[in-house]
Amino acid sequence: MSIMLIQLIVRETEWYQYVINILIVIFARSLDILSTRYVTKELKLETNKLAKKLGWKGMILVQIPLIVLGSLDIYFALFIFVWSLLLFANNIEGSWYVQEVGEEAYHQEITSNVKKTSLGKIIFGEISSVLSLTVSGLLILVFLFIFNDLLAVFFICLALICQGILGTIRSLSFLIDLKKEKPEHSEQIKDTSE
């Protein structure tokens, strides 16, 4: 593994490739940091304990070694980009609700409900990333490097693309339908006035 990393780093690369790599990593890390700031300015909802402990200044300083690492090779830059994109997506998912109720109120609501819920239900409700991303990634690696089956990899990637698009459409459709629903309270007032 270390030999492969050394070969990646010491191979001949044009100077502009390093610039491209740095720009990719800076953009990617900015997505993660800015989306974190958007959702949790006080870091009350930050799930990364180290980031929470370091605070905003510390989190920005931690980006320097990542930028240096990503600058060394396009593959490192792509890895950091994709992972940061996933973190960005995770941060903004449901952020409308946090923005609506406020970070402090959301934190209190989650804390209150977590204390009432069994650990088994919490674990079951939070393993979706392992089931979707980890299993998909492992299947891609297995079919690519063990079975050398590009068609299987294509269909796994196609399933991920479909889920990304259709999952977003379904969630938006559900929320938009909820937004259009007439409140039950106003219907009850109307019924009693008649």
N, C-alpha and C. Protein backbone atom coordinates (compact mmCIF):
# COMPACT_ATOMS: atom_id res chain seq x y z
N MET A 1 0.83 -1.20 0.00
CA MET A 1 0.00 0.00 0.00
C MET A 1 0.87 1.26 0.00
N SER A 2 1.90 1.28 0.88
CA SER A 2 2.77 2.46 0.94
C SER A 2 3.56 2.64 -0.36
N ILE A 3 3.93 1.54 -1.01
CA ILE A 3 4.64 1.62 -2.30
C ILE A 3 3.73 2.26 -3.35
N MET A 4 2.46 1.85 -3.36
CA MET A 4 1.51 2.42 -4.31
C MET A 4 1.35 3.92 -4.08
N LEU A 5 1.28 4.34 -2.82
CA LEU A 5 1.15 5.77 -2.51
C LEU A 5 2.39 6.54 -2.96
N ILE A 6 3.58 5.97 -2.73
CA ILE A 6 4.82 6.63 -3.16
C ILE A 6 4.86 6.77 -4.68
N GLN A 7 4.44 5.71 -5.39
CA GLN A 7 4.40 5.76 -6.86
C GLN A 7 3.46 6.85 -7.35
N LEU A 8 2.34 7.02 -6.67
CA LEU A 8 1.40 8.08 -7.05
C LEU A 8 2.01 9.46 -6.87
N ILE A 9 2.73 9.64 -5.76
CA ILE A 9 3.26 10.96 -5.44
C ILE A 9 4.46 11.33 -6.32
N VAL A 10 5.36 10.39 -6.57
CA VAL A 10 6.61 10.72 -7.27
C VAL A 10 6.51 10.65 -8.78
N ARG A 11 5.39 10.27 -9.34
CA ARG A 11 5.30 10.22 -10.80
C ARG A 11 5.33 11.64 -11.37
N GLU A 12 5.73 11.72 -12.62
CA GLU A 12 5.86 13.04 -13.26
C GLU A 12 4.49 13.69 -13.42
N THR A 13 4.42 14.94 -12.96
CA THR A 13 3.18 15.70 -13.03
C THR A 13 3.51 17.12 -13.43
N GLU A 14 2.70 17.67 -14.33
CA GLU A 14 2.86 19.07 -14.73
C GLU A 14 2.46 19.98 -13.57
N TRP A 15 3.07 21.15 -13.46
CA TRP A 15 2.82 22.07 -12.36
C TRP A 15 1.35 22.47 -12.25
N TYR A 16 0.67 22.62 -13.41
CA TYR A 16 -0.73 23.07 -13.38
C TYR A 16 -1.65 22.01 -12.78
N GLN A 17 -1.22 20.73 -12.84
CA GLN A 17 -2.04 19.67 -12.23
C GLN A 17 -2.12 19.86 -10.72
N TYR A 18 -1.03 20.31 -10.11
CA TYR A 18 -1.03 20.59 -8.67
C TYR A 18 -2.01 21.71 -8.35
N VAL A 19 -2.04 22.72 -9.20
CA VAL A 19 -2.96 23.85 -9.01
C VAL A 19 -4.41 23.36 -9.12
N ILE A 20 -4.67 22.52 -10.14
CA ILE A 20 -6.02 21.97 -10.31
C ILE A 20 -6.42 21.14 -9.08
N ASN A 21 -5.48 20.31 -8.61
CA ASN A 21 -5.75 19.49 -7.42
C ASN A 21 -6.08 20.35 -6.21
N ILE A 22 -5.29 21.41 -6.00
CA ILE A 22 -5.52 22.31 -4.87
C ILE A 22 -6.89 22.97 -4.97
N LEU A 23 -7.24 23.42 -6.17
CA LEU A 23 -8.54 24.07 -6.36
C LEU A 23 -9.70 23.11 -6.09
N ILE A 24 -9.55 21.86 -6.54
CA ILE A 24 -10.58 20.84 -6.29
C ILE A 24 -10.77 20.64 -4.79
N VAL A 25 -9.65 20.51 -4.07
CA VAL A 25 -9.72 20.24 -2.63
C VAL A 25 -10.27 21.45 -1.87
N ILE A 26 -9.83 22.65 -2.24
CA ILE A 26 -10.33 23.86 -1.56
C ILE A 26 -11.84 23.99 -1.78
N PHE A 27 -12.29 23.76 -3.00
CA PHE A 27 -13.73 23.82 -3.30
C PHE A 27 -14.49 22.78 -2.48
N ALA A 28 -13.96 21.55 -2.46
CA ALA A 28 -14.62 20.46 -1.75
C ALA A 28 -14.71 20.72 -0.25
N ARG A 29 -13.60 21.12 0.34
CA ARG A 29 -13.60 21.36 1.77
C ARG A 29 -14.46 22.57 2.14
N SER A 30 -14.51 23.55 1.24
CA SER A 30 -15.38 24.72 1.47
C SER A 30 -16.84 24.30 1.51
N LEU A 31 -17.22 23.36 0.65
CA LEU A 31 -18.60 22.86 0.66
C LEU A 31 -18.96 22.30 2.03
N ASP A 32 -18.07 21.49 2.57
CA ASP A 32 -18.34 20.87 3.87
C ASP A 32 -18.39 21.92 4.98
N ILE A 33 -17.40 22.78 5.03
CA ILE A 33 -17.33 23.77 6.12
C ILE A 33 -18.49 24.77 6.03
N LEU A 34 -18.78 25.27 4.84
CA LEU A 34 -19.86 26.26 4.70
C LEU A 34 -21.23 25.65 5.00
N SER A 35 -21.43 24.39 4.60
CA SER A 35 -22.71 23.74 4.89
C SER A 35 -22.84 23.44 6.38
N THR A 36 -21.73 23.12 7.04
CA THR A 36 -21.75 22.94 8.50
C THR A 36 -22.12 24.25 9.17
N ARG A 37 -21.50 25.32 8.72
CA ARG A 37 -21.79 26.66 9.29
C ARG A 37 -23.25 27.05 9.06
N TYR A 38 -23.77 26.70 7.90
CA TYR A 38 -25.17 27.01 7.57
C TYR A 38 -26.13 26.32 8.54
N VAL A 39 -25.82 25.09 8.89
CA VAL A 39 -26.73 24.30 9.72
C VAL A 39 -26.50 24.54 11.21
N THR A 40 -25.24 24.68 11.61
CA THR A 40 -24.96 24.74 13.04
C THR A 40 -23.84 25.74 13.35
N LYS A 41 -24.21 27.01 13.39
CA LYS A 41 -23.21 28.07 13.65
C LYS A 41 -22.54 27.90 15.00
N GLU A 42 -23.28 27.41 15.97
CA GLU A 42 -22.73 27.22 17.32
C GLU A 42 -22.14 25.82 17.51
N LEU A 43 -22.17 25.01 16.46
CA LEU A 43 -21.64 23.63 16.46
C LEU A 43 -22.36 22.70 17.44
N LYS A 44 -23.58 23.05 17.84
CA LYS A 44 -24.35 22.19 18.74
C LYS A 44 -24.79 20.91 18.04
N LEU A 45 -24.93 20.96 16.72
CA LEU A 45 -25.39 19.80 15.96
C LEU A 45 -24.26 19.08 15.23
N GLU A 46 -23.02 19.52 15.45
CA GLU A 46 -21.86 18.90 14.80
C GLU A 46 -21.67 17.49 15.36
N THR A 47 -21.61 16.51 14.48
CA THR A 47 -21.48 15.11 14.92
C THR A 47 -20.02 14.68 15.05
N ASN A 48 -19.09 15.41 14.43
CA ASN A 48 -17.67 15.10 14.54
C ASN A 48 -17.15 15.71 15.85
N LYS A 49 -16.84 14.85 16.81
CA LYS A 49 -16.44 15.32 18.15
C LYS A 49 -15.15 16.15 18.10
N LEU A 50 -14.21 15.74 17.23
CA LEU A 50 -12.96 16.49 17.12
C LEU A 50 -13.22 17.90 16.58
N ALA A 51 -14.05 17.99 15.53
CA ALA A 51 -14.37 19.30 14.95
C ALA A 51 -15.08 20.18 15.98
N LYS A 52 -15.96 19.58 16.74
CA LYS A 52 -16.69 20.32 17.78
C LYS A 52 -15.72 20.86 18.83
N LYS A 53 -14.72 20.04 19.19
CA LYS A 53 -13.74 20.44 20.19
C LYS A 53 -12.81 21.53 19.65
N LEU A 54 -12.42 21.41 18.38
CA LEU A 54 -11.49 22.37 17.77
C LEU A 54 -12.14 23.74 17.54
N GLY A 55 -13.44 23.75 17.28
CA GLY A 55 -14.12 25.01 16.96
C GLY A 55 -13.84 25.43 15.52
N TRP A 56 -14.36 26.58 15.16
CA TRP A 56 -14.26 27.02 13.76
C TRP A 56 -12.82 27.29 13.33
N LYS A 57 -12.05 27.97 14.17
CA LYS A 57 -10.64 28.27 13.81
C LYS A 57 -9.84 26.98 13.65
N GLY A 58 -10.03 26.07 14.57
CA GLY A 58 -9.32 24.78 14.50
C GLY A 58 -9.72 23.98 13.27
N MET A 59 -11.02 24.00 12.94
CA MET A 59 -11.48 23.26 11.76
C MET A 59 -10.86 23.82 10.49
N ILE A 60 -10.72 25.13 10.42
CA ILE A 60 -10.12 25.76 9.23
C ILE A 60 -8.64 25.40 9.16
N LEU A 61 -7.94 25.38 10.28
CA LEU A 61 -6.52 25.01 10.29
C LEU A 61 -6.30 23.56 9.87
N VAL A 62 -7.24 22.67 10.23
CA VAL A 62 -7.13 21.26 9.86
C VAL A 62 -7.21 21.07 8.34
N GLN A 63 -7.77 22.04 7.65
CA GLN A 63 -7.90 21.93 6.19
C GLN A 63 -6.55 22.03 5.49
N ILE A 64 -5.57 22.67 6.12
CA ILE A 64 -4.26 22.87 5.48
C ILE A 64 -3.59 21.54 5.12
N PRO A 65 -3.47 20.57 6.06
CA PRO A 65 -2.87 19.29 5.65
C PRO A 65 -3.70 18.56 4.59
N LEU A 66 -5.02 18.71 4.63
CA LEU A 66 -5.86 18.08 3.61
C LEU A 66 -5.60 18.70 2.23
N ILE A 67 -5.43 20.01 2.19
CA ILE A 67 -5.14 20.68 0.92
C ILE A 67 -3.78 20.23 0.40
N VAL A 68 -2.78 20.13 1.29
CA VAL A 68 -1.45 19.67 0.88
C VAL A 68 -1.53 18.24 0.36
N LEU A 69 -2.21 17.36 1.09
CA LEU A 69 -2.35 15.96 0.66
C LEU A 69 -3.06 15.89 -0.69
N GLY A 70 -4.16 16.62 -0.82
CA GLY A 70 -4.91 16.60 -2.07
C GLY A 70 -4.15 17.17 -3.24
N SER A 71 -3.22 18.09 -2.97
CA SER A 71 -2.46 18.70 -4.06
C SER A 71 -1.48 17.71 -4.69
N LEU A 72 -1.08 16.69 -3.94
CA LEU A 72 -0.06 15.75 -4.41
C LEU A 72 -0.49 14.92 -5.61
N ASP A 73 -1.78 14.60 -5.68
CA ASP A 73 -2.22 13.74 -6.78
C ASP A 73 -3.72 13.93 -7.03
N ILE A 74 -4.10 13.79 -8.27
CA ILE A 74 -5.51 13.96 -8.66
C ILE A 74 -6.39 12.93 -7.96
N TYR A 75 -5.87 11.73 -7.71
CA TYR A 75 -6.68 10.70 -7.06
C TYR A 75 -6.97 11.07 -5.60
N PHE A 76 -5.97 11.63 -4.92
CA PHE A 76 -6.20 12.12 -3.56
C PHE A 76 -7.24 13.25 -3.59
N ALA A 77 -7.08 14.14 -4.57
CA ALA A 77 -8.01 15.27 -4.69
C ALA A 77 -9.43 14.78 -4.95
N LEU A 78 -9.57 13.78 -5.81
CA LEU A 78 -10.90 13.22 -6.11
C LEU A 78 -11.51 12.54 -4.89
N PHE A 79 -10.68 11.82 -4.14
CA PHE A 79 -11.15 11.18 -2.92
C PHE A 79 -11.69 12.22 -1.95
N ILE A 80 -10.91 13.28 -1.72
CA ILE A 80 -11.32 14.35 -0.81
C ILE A 80 -12.57 15.05 -1.34
N PHE A 81 -12.63 15.24 -2.66
CA PHE A 81 -13.80 15.90 -3.27
C PHE A 81 -15.07 15.09 -3.04
N VAL A 82 -15.02 13.79 -3.36
CA VAL A 82 -16.22 12.95 -3.24
C VAL A 82 -16.65 12.83 -1.78
N TRP A 83 -15.70 12.62 -0.88
CA TRP A 83 -16.04 12.51 0.53
C TRP A 83 -16.63 13.83 1.04
N SER A 84 -16.04 14.94 0.65
CA SER A 84 -16.56 16.25 1.07
C SER A 84 -17.95 16.50 0.50
N LEU A 85 -18.17 16.04 -0.72
CA LEU A 85 -19.49 16.18 -1.34
C LEU A 85 -20.54 15.39 -0.55
N LEU A 86 -20.17 14.20 -0.11
CA LEU A 86 -21.08 13.39 0.71
C LEU A 86 -21.34 14.07 2.06
N LEU A 87 -20.31 14.66 2.65
CA LEU A 87 -20.49 15.39 3.91
C LEU A 87 -21.40 16.61 3.71
N PHE A 88 -21.18 17.31 2.61
CA PHE A 88 -22.03 18.47 2.26
C PHE A 88 -23.49 18.04 2.13
N ALA A 89 -23.71 16.94 1.40
CA ALA A 89 -25.08 16.44 1.21
C ALA A 89 -25.72 16.05 2.53
N ASN A 90 -24.94 15.40 3.39
CA ASN A 90 -25.44 15.00 4.70
C ASN A 90 -25.77 16.23 5.55
N ASN A 91 -24.94 17.26 5.47
CA ASN A 91 -25.17 18.49 6.24
C ASN A 91 -26.47 19.19 5.82
N ILE A 92 -26.69 19.30 4.53
CA ILE A 92 -27.84 20.10 4.09
C ILE A 92 -29.15 19.32 4.08
N GLU A 93 -29.07 17.98 4.19
CA GLU A 93 -30.30 17.19 4.21
C GLU A 93 -31.12 17.56 5.45
N GLY A 94 -32.31 18.04 5.25
CA GLY A 94 -33.18 18.43 6.36
C GLY A 94 -32.81 19.76 7.00
N SER A 95 -31.85 20.48 6.40
CA SER A 95 -31.41 21.75 7.00
C SER A 95 -32.53 22.79 7.01
N TRP A 96 -33.51 22.63 6.15
CA TRP A 96 -34.65 23.57 6.14
C TRP A 96 -35.34 23.56 7.50
N TYR A 97 -35.41 22.37 8.11
CA TYR A 97 -36.10 22.26 9.40
C TYR A 97 -35.30 22.95 10.51
N VAL A 98 -33.98 22.74 10.50
CA VAL A 98 -33.13 23.40 11.50
C VAL A 98 -33.21 24.91 11.34
N GLN A 99 -33.21 25.38 10.09
CA GLN A 99 -33.31 26.82 9.82
C GLN A 99 -34.65 27.38 10.31
N GLU A 100 -35.68 26.57 10.19
CA GLU A 100 -37.03 27.03 10.57
C GLU A 100 -37.20 27.12 12.08
N VAL A 101 -36.75 26.07 12.81
CA VAL A 101 -36.98 26.06 14.26
C VAL A 101 -35.83 26.66 15.05
N GLY A 102 -34.65 26.73 14.44
CA GLY A 102 -33.48 27.27 15.14
C GLY A 102 -32.60 26.15 15.69
N GLU A 103 -31.31 26.42 15.70
CA GLU A 103 -30.33 25.41 16.14
C GLU A 103 -30.55 24.96 17.57
N GLU A 104 -30.79 25.90 18.48
CA GLU A 104 -30.97 25.57 19.89
C GLU A 104 -32.24 24.74 20.11
N ALA A 105 -33.34 25.16 19.51
CA ALA A 105 -34.61 24.43 19.66
C ALA A 105 -34.50 23.03 19.06
N TYR A 106 -33.84 22.92 17.92
CA TYR A 106 -33.67 21.62 17.27
C TYR A 106 -32.82 20.72 18.16
N HIS A 107 -31.74 21.27 18.73
CA HIS A 107 -30.86 20.50 19.61
C HIS A 107 -31.64 19.99 20.82
N GLN A 108 -32.47 20.85 21.40
CA GLN A 108 -33.28 20.44 22.57
C GLN A 108 -34.30 19.37 22.18
N GLU A 109 -34.92 19.54 21.01
CA GLU A 109 -35.91 18.57 20.53
C GLU A 109 -35.27 17.20 20.32
N ILE A 110 -34.11 17.17 19.65
CA ILE A 110 -33.41 15.90 19.41
C ILE A 110 -32.99 15.28 20.73
N THR A 111 -32.42 16.08 21.62
CA THR A 111 -31.97 15.58 22.93
C THR A 111 -33.13 14.96 23.70
N SER A 112 -34.26 15.64 23.72
CA SER A 112 -35.43 15.15 24.43
C SER A 112 -35.91 13.81 23.87
N ASN A 113 -35.98 13.72 22.55
CA ASN A 113 -36.47 12.49 21.92
C ASN A 113 -35.48 11.34 22.00
N VAL A 114 -34.18 11.63 21.92
CA VAL A 114 -33.16 10.59 22.05
C VAL A 114 -33.24 9.94 23.43
N LYS A 115 -33.47 10.73 24.44
CA LYS A 115 -33.54 10.21 25.82
C LYS A 115 -34.74 9.29 26.01
N LYS A 116 -35.79 9.50 25.22
CA LYS A 116 -37.00 8.68 25.35
C LYS A 116 -36.95 7.41 24.50
N THR A 117 -36.03 7.34 23.54
CA THR A 117 -35.99 6.25 22.57
C THR A 117 -34.96 5.20 22.97
N SER A 118 -35.27 3.93 22.68
CA SER A 118 -34.33 2.86 23.01
C SER A 118 -33.11 2.92 22.08
N LEU A 119 -31.99 2.44 22.59
CA LEU A 119 -30.74 2.45 21.82
C LEU A 119 -30.86 1.62 20.54
N GLY A 120 -31.58 0.52 20.61
CA GLY A 120 -31.79 -0.33 19.43
C GLY A 120 -32.49 0.41 18.31
N LYS A 121 -33.52 1.17 18.64
CA LYS A 121 -34.25 1.95 17.62
C LYS A 121 -33.34 3.03 17.03
N ILE A 122 -32.52 3.64 17.87
CA ILE A 122 -31.61 4.69 17.38
C ILE A 122 -30.61 4.09 16.40
N ILE A 123 -29.99 2.97 16.78
CA ILE A 123 -29.01 2.32 15.90
C ILE A 123 -29.67 1.91 14.58
N PHE A 124 -30.84 1.27 14.66
CA PHE A 124 -31.53 0.84 13.45
C PHE A 124 -31.87 2.02 12.54
N GLY A 125 -32.25 3.14 13.14
CA GLY A 125 -32.64 4.31 12.37
C GLY A 125 -31.47 5.09 11.79
N GLU A 126 -30.24 4.79 12.23
CA GLU A 126 -29.08 5.57 11.79
C GLU A 126 -28.06 4.77 10.99
N ILE A 127 -28.39 3.54 10.55
CA ILE A 127 -27.40 2.73 9.82
C ILE A 127 -27.56 2.83 8.31
N SER A 128 -28.33 3.80 7.85
CA SER A 128 -28.59 3.89 6.42
C SER A 128 -27.33 4.13 5.59
N SER A 129 -26.36 4.89 6.12
CA SER A 129 -25.13 5.14 5.36
C SER A 129 -24.34 3.85 5.15
N VAL A 130 -24.32 2.99 6.16
CA VAL A 130 -23.62 1.71 6.01
C VAL A 130 -24.32 0.86 4.97
N LEU A 131 -25.66 0.81 5.05
CA LEU A 131 -26.42 -0.03 4.13
C LEU A 131 -26.33 0.47 2.69
N SER A 132 -26.33 1.78 2.50
CA SER A 132 -26.34 2.30 1.13
C SER A 132 -24.94 2.56 0.60
N LEU A 133 -24.19 3.41 1.26
CA LEU A 133 -22.89 3.83 0.72
C LEU A 133 -21.81 2.78 0.91
N THR A 134 -21.67 2.24 2.12
CA THR A 134 -20.59 1.28 2.38
C THR A 134 -20.78 -0.01 1.59
N VAL A 135 -21.99 -0.56 1.60
CA VAL A 135 -22.24 -1.79 0.86
C VAL A 135 -22.06 -1.57 -0.64
N SER A 136 -22.55 -0.44 -1.15
CA SER A 136 -22.38 -0.14 -2.58
C SER A 136 -20.91 0.00 -2.94
N GLY A 137 -20.16 0.73 -2.12
CA GLY A 137 -18.73 0.88 -2.36
C GLY A 137 -18.00 -0.44 -2.34
N LEU A 138 -18.32 -1.30 -1.37
CA LEU A 138 -17.69 -2.62 -1.30
C LEU A 138 -18.03 -3.48 -2.51
N LEU A 139 -19.30 -3.44 -2.93
CA LEU A 139 -19.70 -4.20 -4.11
C LEU A 139 -18.95 -3.73 -5.36
N ILE A 140 -18.79 -2.41 -5.50
CA ILE A 140 -18.05 -1.88 -6.64
C ILE A 140 -16.61 -2.39 -6.62
N LEU A 141 -15.96 -2.33 -5.46
CA LEU A 141 -14.58 -2.81 -5.35
C LEU A 141 -14.47 -4.30 -5.66
N VAL A 142 -15.41 -5.09 -5.14
CA VAL A 142 -15.39 -6.54 -5.37
C VAL A 142 -15.55 -6.85 -6.85
N PHE A 143 -16.58 -6.26 -7.48
CA PHE A 143 -16.81 -6.55 -8.89
C PHE A 143 -15.73 -5.97 -9.80
N LEU A 144 -15.11 -4.89 -9.39
CA LEU A 144 -14.07 -4.26 -10.20
C LEU A 144 -12.74 -5.00 -10.09
N PHE A 145 -12.30 -5.27 -8.85
CA PHE A 145 -10.95 -5.81 -8.67
C PHE A 145 -10.89 -7.33 -8.51
N ILE A 146 -11.96 -7.96 -8.06
CA ILE A 146 -11.93 -9.41 -7.90
C ILE A 146 -12.51 -10.11 -9.12
N PHE A 147 -13.71 -9.68 -9.55
CA PHE A 147 -14.36 -10.33 -10.69
C PHE A 147 -14.10 -9.64 -12.03
N ASN A 148 -13.52 -8.45 -11.98
CA ASN A 148 -13.25 -7.68 -13.20
C ASN A 148 -14.50 -7.58 -14.08
N ASP A 149 -15.62 -7.29 -13.44
CA ASP A 149 -16.92 -7.26 -14.12
C ASP A 149 -17.42 -5.82 -14.18
N LEU A 150 -17.09 -5.13 -15.26
CA LEU A 150 -17.47 -3.72 -15.42
C LEU A 150 -18.97 -3.54 -15.58
N LEU A 151 -19.65 -4.55 -16.13
CA LEU A 151 -21.10 -4.45 -16.30
C LEU A 151 -21.80 -4.41 -14.94
N ALA A 152 -21.33 -5.24 -14.01
CA ALA A 152 -21.90 -5.22 -12.65
C ALA A 152 -21.65 -3.86 -11.99
N VAL A 153 -20.44 -3.32 -12.17
CA VAL A 153 -20.11 -2.00 -11.62
C VAL A 153 -21.03 -0.94 -12.23
N PHE A 154 -21.26 -1.03 -13.54
CA PHE A 154 -22.16 -0.09 -14.22
C PHE A 154 -23.54 -0.11 -13.60
N PHE A 155 -24.09 -1.31 -13.35
CA PHE A 155 -25.45 -1.40 -12.81
C PHE A 155 -25.52 -0.95 -11.35
N ILE A 156 -24.46 -1.20 -10.58
CA ILE A 156 -24.43 -0.69 -9.21
C ILE A 156 -24.43 0.84 -9.23
N CYS A 157 -23.59 1.41 -10.11
CA CYS A 157 -23.53 2.88 -10.23
C CYS A 157 -24.86 3.43 -10.74
N LEU A 158 -25.50 2.73 -11.66
CA LEU A 158 -26.80 3.15 -12.17
C LEU A 158 -27.85 3.15 -11.06
N ALA A 159 -27.80 2.14 -10.19
CA ALA A 159 -28.73 2.09 -9.05
C ALA A 159 -28.49 3.28 -8.12
N LEU A 160 -27.22 3.64 -7.89
CA LEU A 160 -26.91 4.79 -7.04
C LEU A 160 -27.42 6.09 -7.66
N ILE A 161 -27.24 6.22 -8.97
CA ILE A 161 -27.72 7.41 -9.69
C ILE A 161 -29.24 7.50 -9.59
N CYS A 162 -29.92 6.38 -9.84
CA CYS A 162 -31.39 6.36 -9.78
C CYS A 162 -31.89 6.72 -8.38
N GLN A 163 -31.25 6.14 -7.36
CA GLN A 163 -31.67 6.44 -5.99
C GLN A 163 -31.44 7.91 -5.67
N GLY A 164 -30.32 8.45 -6.12
CA GLY A 164 -30.05 9.87 -5.89
C GLY A 164 -31.13 10.75 -6.48
N ILE A 165 -31.48 10.49 -7.72
CA ILE A 165 -32.49 11.31 -8.41
C ILE A 165 -33.89 11.03 -7.86
N LEU A 166 -34.29 9.76 -7.85
CA LEU A 166 -35.65 9.42 -7.43
C LEU A 166 -35.88 9.67 -5.94
N GLY A 167 -34.86 9.43 -5.12
CA GLY A 167 -34.99 9.70 -3.69
C GLY A 167 -35.23 11.18 -3.42
N THR A 168 -34.52 12.03 -4.16
CA THR A 168 -34.70 13.48 -4.00
C THR A 168 -36.09 13.89 -4.48
N ILE A 169 -36.51 13.36 -5.62
CA ILE A 169 -37.84 13.70 -6.15
C ILE A 169 -38.93 13.27 -5.17
N ARG A 170 -38.81 12.05 -4.63
CA ARG A 170 -39.83 11.56 -3.68
C ARG A 170 -39.87 12.40 -2.42
N SER A 171 -38.70 12.75 -1.87
CA SER A 171 -38.66 13.57 -0.65
C SER A 171 -39.27 14.95 -0.90
N LEU A 172 -38.86 15.57 -2.01
CA LEU A 172 -39.41 16.89 -2.34
C LEU A 172 -40.91 16.83 -2.56
N SER A 173 -41.36 15.81 -3.26
CA SER A 173 -42.79 15.64 -3.53
C SER A 173 -43.57 15.49 -2.23
N PHE A 174 -43.04 14.68 -1.31
CA PHE A 174 -43.69 14.46 -0.02
C PHE A 174 -43.79 15.78 0.75
N LEU A 175 -42.68 16.53 0.82
CA LEU A 175 -42.66 17.78 1.58
C LEU A 175 -43.54 18.85 0.93
N ILE A 176 -43.54 18.90 -0.40
CA ILE A 176 -44.38 19.88 -1.10
C ILE A 176 -45.86 19.55 -0.88
N ASP A 177 -46.20 18.25 -0.90
CA ASP A 177 -47.58 17.85 -0.62
C ASP A 177 -47.99 18.25 0.80
N LEU A 178 -47.06 18.07 1.76
CA LEU A 178 -47.35 18.48 3.13
C LEU A 178 -47.57 19.99 3.22
N LYS A 179 -46.76 20.72 2.46
CA LYS A 179 -46.88 22.19 2.47
C LYS A 179 -48.23 22.64 1.91
N LYS A 180 -48.76 21.88 0.95
CA LYS A 180 -50.04 22.23 0.32
C LYS A 180 -51.25 21.81 1.15
N GLU A 181 -51.03 20.85 2.08
CA GLU A 181 -52.14 20.37 2.91
C GLU A 181 -52.72 21.51 3.73
N LYS A 182 -54.03 21.50 3.85
CA LYS A 182 -54.68 22.49 4.72
C LYS A 182 -54.52 22.03 6.16
N PRO A 183 -54.20 22.95 7.06
CA PRO A 183 -54.03 22.57 8.47
C PRO A 183 -55.33 22.00 9.04
N GLU A 184 -55.22 20.96 9.86
CA GLU A 184 -56.39 20.32 10.47
C GLU A 184 -57.08 21.29 11.42
N HIS A 185 -56.30 22.14 12.07
CA HIS A 185 -56.86 23.08 13.06
C HIS A 185 -57.86 24.03 12.39
N SER A 186 -57.52 24.54 11.20
CA SER A 186 -58.42 25.49 10.53
C SER A 186 -59.69 24.78 10.05
N GLU A 187 -59.57 23.49 9.70
CA GLU A 187 -60.75 22.73 9.28
C GLU A 187 -61.68 22.50 10.47
N GLN A 188 -61.09 22.26 11.66
CA GLN A 188 -61.89 22.04 12.85
C GLN A 188 -62.65 23.33 13.24
N ILE A 189 -61.98 24.47 13.12
CA ILE A 189 -62.63 25.75 13.41
C ILE A 189 -63.78 25.98 12.45
N LYS A 190 -63.56 25.63 11.17
CA LYS A 190 -64.59 25.81 10.16
C LYS A 190 -65.81 24.95 10.45
N ASP A 191 -65.53 23.67 10.88
CA ASP A 191 -66.62 22.74 11.19
C ASP A 191 -67.46 23.23 12.38
N THR A 192 -66.81 23.76 13.40
CA THR A 192 -67.54 24.19 14.59
C THR A 192 -68.33 25.47 14.33
N SER A 193 -67.85 26.31 13.39
CA SER A 193 -68.57 27.55 13.10
C SER A 193 -69.82 27.29 12.28
N GLU A 194 -69.87 26.15 11.60
CA GLU A 194 -71.06 25.84 10.79
C GLU A 194 -72.06 25.17 11.70
